[in-house]
Amino acid sequence: MASGIDALIANTLDLLVVAILVGVLARRLKLPYTVGLVMAGMGMAFLRIDTNLALTHDIIFDIILPPLLFEAALNIHWSELRRDDVPILVLSIWGVAISAAVVCAGMTLLLHWPLPAALMFGVLIAATDPVAVIAMFKDLGMGGRLRLLVETESLFNDGVAAVFFGLALSWVQGHATGAGTALLDLLRISGGGIVIGFGVGGTALLVAGRTRDHLIETAVTCVAAYGAFLLAERFHLSGVLATVSAGLLMGGVGLRGEGRWRWGLSRQARVFVLEFWEFLAFIANSFVFLLIGLAVGRIPFAEVGYGMLAIAVVLALLGRAATVYPLSALFARTRWRIPLEQQHVLWWGGLRGALALALCLSLPAVLPLRDGVVIATFAVVAFSVLVQGLTMPALLKVLGLRS
């Protein structure tokens, strides 16, 4: 047992050293940190460097996602969220459904995939991943409304996609339900996750308010982030939405609330908590993108054919385009108007990442073409992080959104 723990600690430290070196080199080369991590991971896989650490559904869902989601939600300002709540919700909910439908139809018609495999791939690849998107915008130092739209949409459609994935998987496995029952399940899973998140976040603020020790208060936020996620998943509700809701409440009330709405965290804790979660998100990002690179470097893409993978990538981009441009057009004559150049960023900035991989790795072995779904997902993720992530600074400069 001791030797196993020692090996785990040693391998973890090795990855952390690699992440630090990549961070230093990426800054000097003006390369997005996440892109550098994936490339480093692929290089390690090519050199057959064995880390004894693999990317699994449990590692992503139970360890990596909660701190990343919580840190992102913690930094969202309620006033800004309320200002753009309508387009964010429309893009998050209807966007996932439209994108999934486009990808599913394309995989069925062009590649003749069976409907169960095409549906599962369409749903899991539909959501832009907050892990990848938020990391990219932090690398670029982006702010303002554009960053809010991209980050908050990715946070919420992340939760919506996870809920849709569960419903689609239930249908594929033969647990057929009517449209009414499916809608109720959707409301129960998403609504229940949100209720648990607000409940856990509110309880955490009450507990934190009984002490003025910033270390204890920070520990309470850790319990809230992971506790909301695990509690919701325990009751088969949305852990993603639970953690996001807890982060929104603790950030809006505990960190930035005014007057009677500002309670729970001491002045010292408000500063320390933000710095602590920024550091924790950095560590989680470092590991997840290195592990993604290692996994991508070991995937046998040639087994399914590069033509099929190219079609999967194009369909993912088309599905995202069918989401962004038509839905944005709905707000063209309203106060929520999204300028065309920002729509281009919403489209090309729709990176896929850890969430899609976690969902595909959880697919049952009996699913038709499961290996094809997994390989196609890794191909889309690799393209989005490496190609879209690498070209995003140039796109922003061309569009005049960044000097």
Protein backbone atom coordinates (compact mmCIF):
# COMPACT_ATOMS: atom_id res chain seq x y z
CA MET A 1 0.00 0.00 0.00
CA ALA A 2 2.78 2.43 0.97
CA SER A 3 4.69 1.84 -2.26
CA GLY A 4 1.50 2.44 -4.27
CA ILE A 5 0.87 5.75 -2.50
CA ASP A 6 4.52 6.75 -2.94
CA ALA A 7 4.28 6.03 -6.67
CA LEU A 8 1.07 8.06 -6.97
CA ILE A 9 2.65 11.03 -5.18
CA ALA A 10 5.81 10.77 -7.30
CA ASN A 11 3.82 10.62 -10.56
CA THR A 12 1.67 13.55 -9.49
CA LEU A 13 4.75 15.63 -8.67
CA ASP A 14 6.30 14.70 -12.03
CA LEU A 15 3.23 16.02 -13.84
CA LEU A 16 3.26 19.17 -11.73
CA VAL A 17 6.92 19.81 -12.64
CA VAL A 18 6.07 19.35 -16.32
CA ALA A 19 3.14 21.76 -15.94
CA ILE A 20 5.39 24.40 -14.34
CA LEU A 21 7.98 24.09 -17.12
CA VAL A 22 5.25 24.30 -19.77
CA GLY A 23 3.81 27.37 -18.05
CA VAL A 24 7.17 29.16 -18.11
CA LEU A 25 7.86 28.18 -21.73
CA ALA A 26 4.34 29.02 -22.90
CA ARG A 27 4.56 32.51 -21.43
CA ARG A 28 7.87 33.16 -23.20
CA LEU A 29 6.54 31.86 -26.52
CA LYS A 30 3.19 33.66 -26.01
CA LEU A 31 1.45 30.31 -26.42
CA PRO A 32 -1.87 29.58 -24.70
CA TYR A 33 -1.03 27.58 -21.57
CA THR A 34 -3.68 24.93 -22.21
CA VAL A 35 -2.43 24.33 -25.75
CA GLY A 36 1.11 23.94 -24.43
CA LEU A 37 -0.05 21.40 -21.85
CA VAL A 38 -1.84 19.26 -24.42
CA MET A 39 1.17 19.36 -26.73
CA ALA A 40 3.46 18.40 -23.84
CA GLY A 41 1.19 15.50 -22.94
CA MET A 42 1.18 14.30 -26.55
CA GLY A 43 4.96 14.54 -26.61
CA MET A 44 5.22 12.45 -23.44
CA ALA A 45 2.95 9.83 -24.99
CA PHE A 46 5.03 9.80 -28.20
CA LEU A 47 8.19 9.28 -26.13
CA ARG A 48 6.39 6.50 -24.24
CA ILE A 49 6.89 8.19 -20.87
CA ASP A 50 4.69 6.26 -18.46
CA THR A 51 3.06 8.34 -15.74
CA ASN A 52 0.78 5.55 -14.44
CA LEU A 53 -2.00 8.16 -14.42
CA ALA A 54 -4.87 7.88 -16.88
CA LEU A 55 -7.78 10.12 -17.74
CA THR A 56 -10.95 8.47 -16.43
CA HIS A 57 -14.56 9.50 -15.93
CA ASP A 58 -14.18 9.42 -12.14
CA ILE A 59 -11.03 11.57 -12.12
CA ILE A 60 -12.66 14.23 -14.29
CA PHE A 61 -16.07 14.21 -12.61
CA ASP A 62 -15.16 13.69 -8.95
CA ILE A 63 -11.81 15.49 -8.71
CA ILE A 64 -11.23 17.98 -11.53
CA LEU A 65 -14.63 19.41 -12.49
CA PRO A 66 -15.88 20.64 -9.08
CA PRO A 67 -13.04 23.11 -8.39
CA LEU A 68 -13.03 24.40 -11.96
CA LEU A 69 -16.78 24.93 -12.05
CA PHE A 70 -16.87 26.45 -8.56
CA GLU A 71 -14.01 28.87 -9.24
CA ALA A 72 -15.60 30.05 -12.48
CA ALA A 73 -19.02 30.55 -10.86
CA LEU A 74 -17.44 32.29 -7.88
CA ASN A 75 -16.08 35.01 -10.17
CA ILE A 76 -19.33 35.74 -12.02
CA HIS A 77 -21.00 39.01 -11.03
CA TRP A 78 -24.76 38.76 -10.58
CA SER A 79 -25.39 42.18 -12.07
CA GLU A 80 -23.64 41.18 -15.28
CA LEU A 81 -25.38 37.80 -15.33
CA ARG A 82 -28.81 39.41 -14.91
CA ARG A 83 -28.08 41.82 -17.73
CA ASP A 84 -27.57 39.00 -20.24
CA ASP A 85 -29.56 36.21 -18.61
CA VAL A 86 -31.97 35.74 -21.55
CA PRO A 87 -29.41 35.12 -24.34
CA ILE A 88 -27.30 33.00 -21.98
CA LEU A 89 -30.23 30.72 -21.14
CA VAL A 90 -31.37 30.48 -24.76
CA LEU A 91 -27.87 29.61 -25.98
CA SER A 92 -27.37 27.16 -23.12
CA ILE A 93 -30.60 25.20 -23.41
CA TRP A 94 -31.67 25.41 -27.03
CA GLY A 95 -28.08 25.54 -28.20
CA VAL A 96 -27.31 22.10 -26.79
CA ALA A 97 -30.44 20.61 -28.36
CA ILE A 98 -29.78 22.16 -31.81
CA SER A 99 -26.11 21.23 -31.87
CA ALA A 100 -26.82 17.67 -30.76
CA ALA A 101 -29.48 17.29 -33.46
CA VAL A 102 -27.17 18.57 -36.21
CA VAL A 103 -24.31 16.27 -35.21
CA CYS A 104 -26.59 13.26 -34.71
CA ALA A 105 -28.23 13.73 -38.12
CA GLY A 106 -24.88 14.22 -39.82
CA MET A 107 -23.27 11.12 -38.30
CA THR A 108 -26.34 9.06 -39.27
CA LEU A 109 -26.71 10.35 -42.84
CA LEU A 110 -23.04 10.76 -43.81
CA LEU A 111 -21.37 7.93 -41.93
CA HIS A 112 -24.37 5.62 -41.50
CA TRP A 113 -23.82 5.34 -37.75
CA PRO A 114 -26.60 3.57 -35.84
CA LEU A 115 -28.91 6.05 -34.13
CA PRO A 116 -27.86 5.17 -30.53
CA ALA A 117 -24.18 5.87 -31.24
CA ALA A 118 -24.93 9.02 -33.28
CA LEU A 119 -27.28 10.35 -30.59
CA MET A 120 -24.81 9.80 -27.74
CA PHE A 121 -21.99 11.41 -29.70
CA GLY A 122 -24.18 14.37 -30.66
CA VAL A 123 -25.25 15.04 -27.08
CA LEU A 124 -21.85 14.67 -25.43
CA ILE A 125 -20.07 16.82 -28.02
CA ALA A 126 -22.77 19.53 -28.05
CA ALA A 127 -21.68 21.53 -25.03
CA THR A 128 -18.74 23.88 -25.01
CA ASP A 129 -16.63 22.86 -22.06
CA PRO A 130 -16.10 25.50 -19.34
CA VAL A 131 -12.78 23.91 -18.39
CA ALA A 132 -11.32 24.60 -21.83
CA VAL A 133 -13.14 27.87 -22.55
CA ILE A 134 -12.42 29.57 -19.23
CA ALA A 135 -8.77 28.52 -19.32
CA MET A 136 -8.41 29.94 -22.84
CA PHE A 137 -9.90 33.32 -21.94
CA LYS A 138 -7.74 33.57 -18.83
CA ASP A 139 -4.68 32.91 -20.98
CA LEU A 140 -5.71 35.71 -23.33
CA GLY A 141 -6.59 38.14 -20.55
CA MET A 142 -10.05 38.72 -22.01
CA GLY A 143 -12.73 40.55 -20.06
CA GLY A 144 -15.99 42.42 -20.52
CA ARG A 145 -19.29 41.24 -21.92
CA LEU A 146 -17.76 38.87 -24.47
CA ARG A 147 -15.97 36.89 -21.79
CA LEU A 148 -19.14 36.82 -19.68
CA LEU A 149 -21.20 35.46 -22.59
CA VAL A 150 -18.67 32.78 -23.49
CA GLU A 151 -17.93 31.64 -19.94
CA THR A 152 -21.45 31.68 -18.52
CA GLU A 153 -22.93 30.00 -21.57
CA SER A 154 -20.32 27.26 -21.32
CA LEU A 155 -21.03 26.82 -17.60
CA PHE A 156 -24.77 26.42 -18.06
CA ASN A 157 -24.77 24.40 -21.27
CA ASP A 158 -22.26 22.13 -19.57
CA GLY A 159 -24.91 21.25 -17.01
CA VAL A 160 -27.66 21.01 -19.63
CA ALA A 161 -25.58 18.68 -21.80
CA ALA A 162 -24.83 16.42 -18.84
CA VAL A 163 -28.57 16.18 -18.10
CA PHE A 164 -29.43 15.51 -21.77
CA PHE A 165 -26.69 12.88 -21.86
CA GLY A 166 -28.24 11.02 -18.93
CA LEU A 167 -31.69 11.09 -20.54
CA ALA A 168 -30.32 9.95 -23.92
CA LEU A 169 -28.34 7.14 -22.31
CA SER A 170 -31.46 5.97 -20.48
CA TRP A 171 -33.33 5.84 -23.81
CA VAL A 172 -30.47 4.01 -25.55
CA GLN A 173 -30.37 1.41 -22.79
CA GLY A 174 -34.04 0.64 -23.36
CA HIS A 175 -35.60 2.63 -20.54
CA ALA A 176 -37.98 4.31 -22.95
CA THR A 177 -40.17 7.13 -21.64
CA GLY A 178 -42.68 9.48 -23.19
CA ALA A 179 -41.99 13.09 -24.02
CA GLY A 180 -43.84 14.26 -20.92
CA THR A 181 -41.87 11.98 -18.62
CA ALA A 182 -38.59 13.00 -20.24
CA LEU A 183 -39.42 16.67 -19.73
CA LEU A 184 -40.24 16.05 -16.07
CA ASP A 185 -36.95 14.16 -15.66
CA LEU A 186 -35.12 17.07 -17.24
CA LEU A 187 -36.73 19.54 -14.84
CA ARG A 188 -36.18 17.24 -11.86
CA ILE A 189 -32.49 16.57 -12.57
CA SER A 190 -31.57 20.16 -13.42
CA GLY A 191 -33.90 21.85 -10.93
CA GLY A 192 -32.94 19.45 -8.16
CA GLY A 193 -29.25 20.12 -8.77
CA ILE A 194 -29.82 23.88 -8.59
CA VAL A 195 -31.82 23.57 -5.35
CA ILE A 196 -29.12 21.42 -3.74
CA GLY A 197 -26.44 23.88 -4.88
CA PHE A 198 -28.22 26.87 -3.36
CA GLY A 199 -28.96 24.88 -0.21
CA VAL A 200 -25.35 23.79 0.25
CA GLY A 201 -24.04 27.26 -0.61
CA GLY A 202 -26.41 28.97 1.82
CA THR A 203 -25.56 26.52 4.60
CA ALA A 204 -21.85 27.06 3.96
CA LEU A 205 -22.27 30.83 4.29
CA LEU A 206 -24.12 30.38 7.58
CA VAL A 207 -21.34 28.16 8.92
CA ALA A 208 -18.60 30.48 7.66
CA GLY A 209 -20.36 33.42 9.33
CA ARG A 210 -19.83 31.87 12.75
CA THR A 211 -16.05 32.26 12.55
CA ARG A 212 -13.59 34.93 11.48
CA ASP A 213 -10.74 32.54 10.72
CA HIS A 214 -10.10 32.89 6.99
CA LEU A 215 -8.57 29.41 6.77
CA ILE A 216 -11.69 27.78 8.22
CA GLU A 217 -13.89 29.90 5.96
CA THR A 218 -11.88 28.78 2.93
CA ALA A 219 -12.17 25.16 4.03
CA VAL A 220 -15.94 25.65 4.18
CA THR A 221 -15.93 26.74 0.53
CA CYS A 222 -14.09 23.52 -0.37
CA VAL A 223 -16.73 21.46 1.38
CA ALA A 224 -19.42 23.42 -0.45
CA ALA A 225 -17.84 22.93 -3.89
CA TYR A 226 -17.32 19.18 -3.60
CA GLY A 227 -20.25 18.59 -1.26
CA ALA A 228 -22.81 20.13 -3.61
CA PHE A 229 -21.48 18.07 -6.52
CA LEU A 230 -21.34 14.73 -4.68
CA LEU A 231 -24.67 15.23 -2.89
CA ALA A 232 -26.49 15.99 -6.14
CA GLU A 233 -24.90 13.02 -7.91
CA ARG A 234 -25.81 10.81 -4.95
CA PHE A 235 -29.49 11.55 -5.61
CA HIS A 236 -29.05 11.23 -9.41
CA LEU A 237 -29.36 14.98 -9.95
CA SER A 238 -27.05 17.37 -11.78
CA GLY A 239 -23.81 17.72 -9.84
CA VAL A 240 -22.54 20.24 -12.38
CA LEU A 241 -25.46 22.62 -11.87
CA ALA A 242 -25.28 22.07 -8.10
CA THR A 243 -21.65 23.20 -7.92
CA VAL A 244 -22.27 26.13 -10.28
CA SER A 245 -25.26 27.24 -8.17
CA ALA A 246 -23.27 27.00 -4.94
CA GLY A 247 -20.46 29.05 -6.49
CA LEU A 248 -22.84 31.70 -7.81
CA LEU A 249 -24.50 32.10 -4.39
CA MET A 250 -21.26 32.20 -2.41
CA GLY A 251 -19.66 34.60 -4.88
CA GLY A 252 -22.66 36.91 -5.17
CA VAL A 253 -23.54 37.03 -1.48
CA GLY A 254 -20.38 36.03 0.37
CA LEU A 255 -17.90 37.96 -1.75
CA ARG A 256 -19.70 40.80 -3.53
CA GLY A 257 -23.06 41.26 -1.81
CA GLU A 258 -23.93 44.78 -0.73
CA GLY A 259 -25.55 45.88 2.54
CA ARG A 260 -27.87 43.25 3.97
CA TRP A 261 -26.95 40.89 1.08
CA ARG A 262 -23.28 40.81 2.14
CA TRP A 263 -22.74 38.25 4.86
CA GLY A 264 -20.99 35.01 5.54
CA LEU A 265 -17.31 35.68 4.82
CA SER A 266 -14.92 37.97 6.65
CA ARG A 267 -13.01 40.72 4.84
CA GLN A 268 -9.76 38.73 4.97
CA ALA A 269 -11.48 35.59 3.71
CA ARG A 270 -12.96 37.38 0.69
CA VAL A 271 -9.47 38.11 -0.61
CA PHE A 272 -7.94 34.78 0.38
CA VAL A 273 -10.79 32.66 -1.01
CA LEU A 274 -10.45 34.14 -4.50
CA GLU A 275 -6.69 33.61 -4.53
CA PHE A 276 -7.02 30.07 -3.16
CA TRP A 277 -9.56 29.02 -5.79
CA GLU A 278 -7.54 30.65 -8.56
CA PHE A 279 -4.56 28.52 -7.49
CA LEU A 280 -6.67 25.37 -7.19
CA ALA A 281 -8.15 25.95 -10.65
CA PHE A 282 -4.63 26.38 -12.03
CA ILE A 283 -3.56 23.03 -10.58
CA ALA A 284 -6.69 21.27 -11.84
CA ASN A 285 -6.30 22.80 -15.30
CA SER A 286 -2.65 21.76 -15.42
CA PHE A 287 -3.42 18.13 -14.67
CA VAL A 288 -6.49 17.78 -16.87
CA PHE A 289 -4.88 19.20 -20.01
CA LEU A 290 -1.68 17.21 -19.52
CA LEU A 291 -3.76 14.05 -19.11
CA ILE A 292 -5.80 14.99 -22.19
CA GLY A 293 -2.58 15.30 -24.17
CA LEU A 294 -1.32 11.95 -22.87
CA ALA A 295 -4.63 10.29 -23.78
CA VAL A 296 -4.76 11.89 -27.24
CA GLY A 297 -1.21 10.74 -27.93
CA ARG A 298 -2.20 7.14 -27.24
CA ILE A 299 -5.50 7.03 -29.15
CA PRO A 300 -5.34 4.88 -32.34
CA PHE A 301 -7.03 7.41 -34.63
CA ALA A 302 -6.05 5.48 -37.77
CA GLU A 303 -8.24 2.54 -36.72
CA VAL A 304 -11.46 4.41 -37.61
CA GLY A 305 -10.05 6.40 -40.52
CA TYR A 306 -9.07 10.04 -40.69
CA GLY A 307 -11.92 10.78 -43.11
CA MET A 308 -14.48 9.83 -40.47
CA LEU A 309 -12.69 11.93 -37.87
CA ALA A 310 -12.62 14.94 -40.21
CA ILE A 311 -16.37 14.61 -40.76
CA ALA A 312 -16.93 14.45 -36.98
CA VAL A 313 -14.89 17.65 -36.48
CA VAL A 314 -16.74 19.49 -39.27
CA LEU A 315 -20.12 18.39 -37.91
CA ALA A 316 -19.19 19.62 -34.44
CA LEU A 317 -18.31 23.02 -35.94
CA LEU A 318 -21.51 23.07 -38.00
CA GLY A 319 -23.57 22.18 -34.95
CA ARG A 320 -21.99 25.05 -33.04
CA ALA A 321 -22.63 27.43 -35.95
CA ALA A 322 -26.27 26.33 -36.14
CA THR A 323 -26.50 27.25 -32.47
CA VAL A 324 -24.73 30.60 -32.34
CA TYR A 325 -25.83 32.47 -35.45
CA PRO A 326 -29.58 31.68 -35.62
CA LEU A 327 -30.11 32.08 -31.87
CA SER A 328 -28.11 35.31 -31.79
CA ALA A 329 -30.28 36.62 -34.63
CA LEU A 330 -33.29 36.38 -32.29
CA PHE A 331 -31.80 39.24 -30.24
CA ALA A 332 -30.71 41.44 -33.18
CA ARG A 333 -33.33 44.14 -32.44
CA THR A 334 -33.26 43.93 -28.65
CA ARG A 335 -31.05 45.26 -25.88
CA TRP A 336 -29.36 41.82 -25.84
CA ARG A 337 -27.98 42.23 -29.35
CA ILE A 338 -24.75 40.29 -29.89
CA PRO A 339 -22.47 41.94 -32.50
CA LEU A 340 -21.45 39.73 -35.41
CA GLU A 341 -17.76 39.75 -34.48
CA GLN A 342 -18.66 38.48 -31.01
CA GLN A 343 -20.79 35.76 -32.59
CA HIS A 344 -17.71 34.61 -34.52
CA VAL A 345 -15.85 34.30 -31.20
CA LEU A 346 -18.75 32.42 -29.61
CA TRP A 347 -18.61 29.98 -32.53
CA TRP A 348 -14.87 29.46 -32.87
CA GLY A 349 -14.37 29.73 -29.10
CA GLY A 350 -16.72 26.82 -28.48
CA LEU A 351 -13.98 24.47 -27.35
CA ARG A 352 -14.66 20.92 -26.26
CA GLY A 353 -12.66 19.37 -23.45
CA ALA A 354 -12.83 17.45 -20.20
CA LEU A 355 -16.62 17.15 -19.96
CA ALA A 356 -16.99 15.51 -23.38
CA LEU A 357 -14.21 13.05 -22.52
CA ALA A 358 -15.73 12.24 -19.13
CA LEU A 359 -19.11 11.53 -20.72
CA CYS A 360 -17.73 9.38 -23.53
CA LEU A 361 -15.60 7.37 -21.10
CA SER A 362 -18.74 6.59 -19.10
CA LEU A 363 -20.51 5.00 -22.09
CA PRO A 364 -21.43 1.33 -21.56
CA ALA A 365 -19.32 -1.25 -23.41
CA VAL A 366 -22.42 -2.66 -25.13
CA LEU A 367 -23.19 0.61 -26.96
CA PRO A 368 -22.92 0.09 -30.73
CA LEU A 369 -19.70 1.69 -32.06
CA ARG A 370 -18.62 2.72 -28.56
CA ASP A 371 -14.94 2.73 -29.53
CA GLY A 372 -15.76 4.87 -32.55
CA VAL A 373 -17.63 7.36 -30.35
CA VAL A 374 -14.68 7.56 -27.93
CA ILE A 375 -12.09 8.04 -30.69
CA ALA A 376 -14.24 10.64 -32.49
CA THR A 377 -14.68 12.54 -29.21
CA PHE A 378 -10.93 12.61 -28.59
CA ALA A 379 -10.40 13.84 -32.17
CA VAL A 380 -12.87 16.73 -31.75
CA VAL A 381 -11.37 17.66 -28.37
CA ALA A 382 -7.82 17.59 -29.78
CA PHE A 383 -8.87 19.77 -32.73
CA SER A 384 -10.72 22.27 -30.56
CA VAL A 385 -7.94 22.71 -28.03
CA LEU A 386 -5.00 22.66 -30.43
CA VAL A 387 -6.40 24.32 -33.57
CA GLN A 388 -9.19 26.55 -32.23
CA GLY A 389 -7.31 27.40 -29.04
CA LEU A 390 -4.10 28.16 -30.93
CA THR A 391 -5.78 30.38 -33.53
CA MET A 392 -8.10 32.24 -31.14
CA PRO A 393 -5.61 35.08 -30.39
CA ALA A 394 -5.23 35.73 -34.13
CA LEU A 395 -9.01 35.70 -34.63
CA LEU A 396 -9.54 38.19 -31.83
CA LYS A 397 -6.89 40.45 -33.34
CA VAL A 398 -8.42 40.23 -36.83
CA LEU A 399 -11.87 41.05 -35.44
CA GLY A 400 -10.48 44.04 -33.56
CA LEU A 401 -11.41 42.61 -30.17
CA ARG A 402 -7.82 42.45 -28.92
CA SER A 403 -4.80 44.59 -29.60
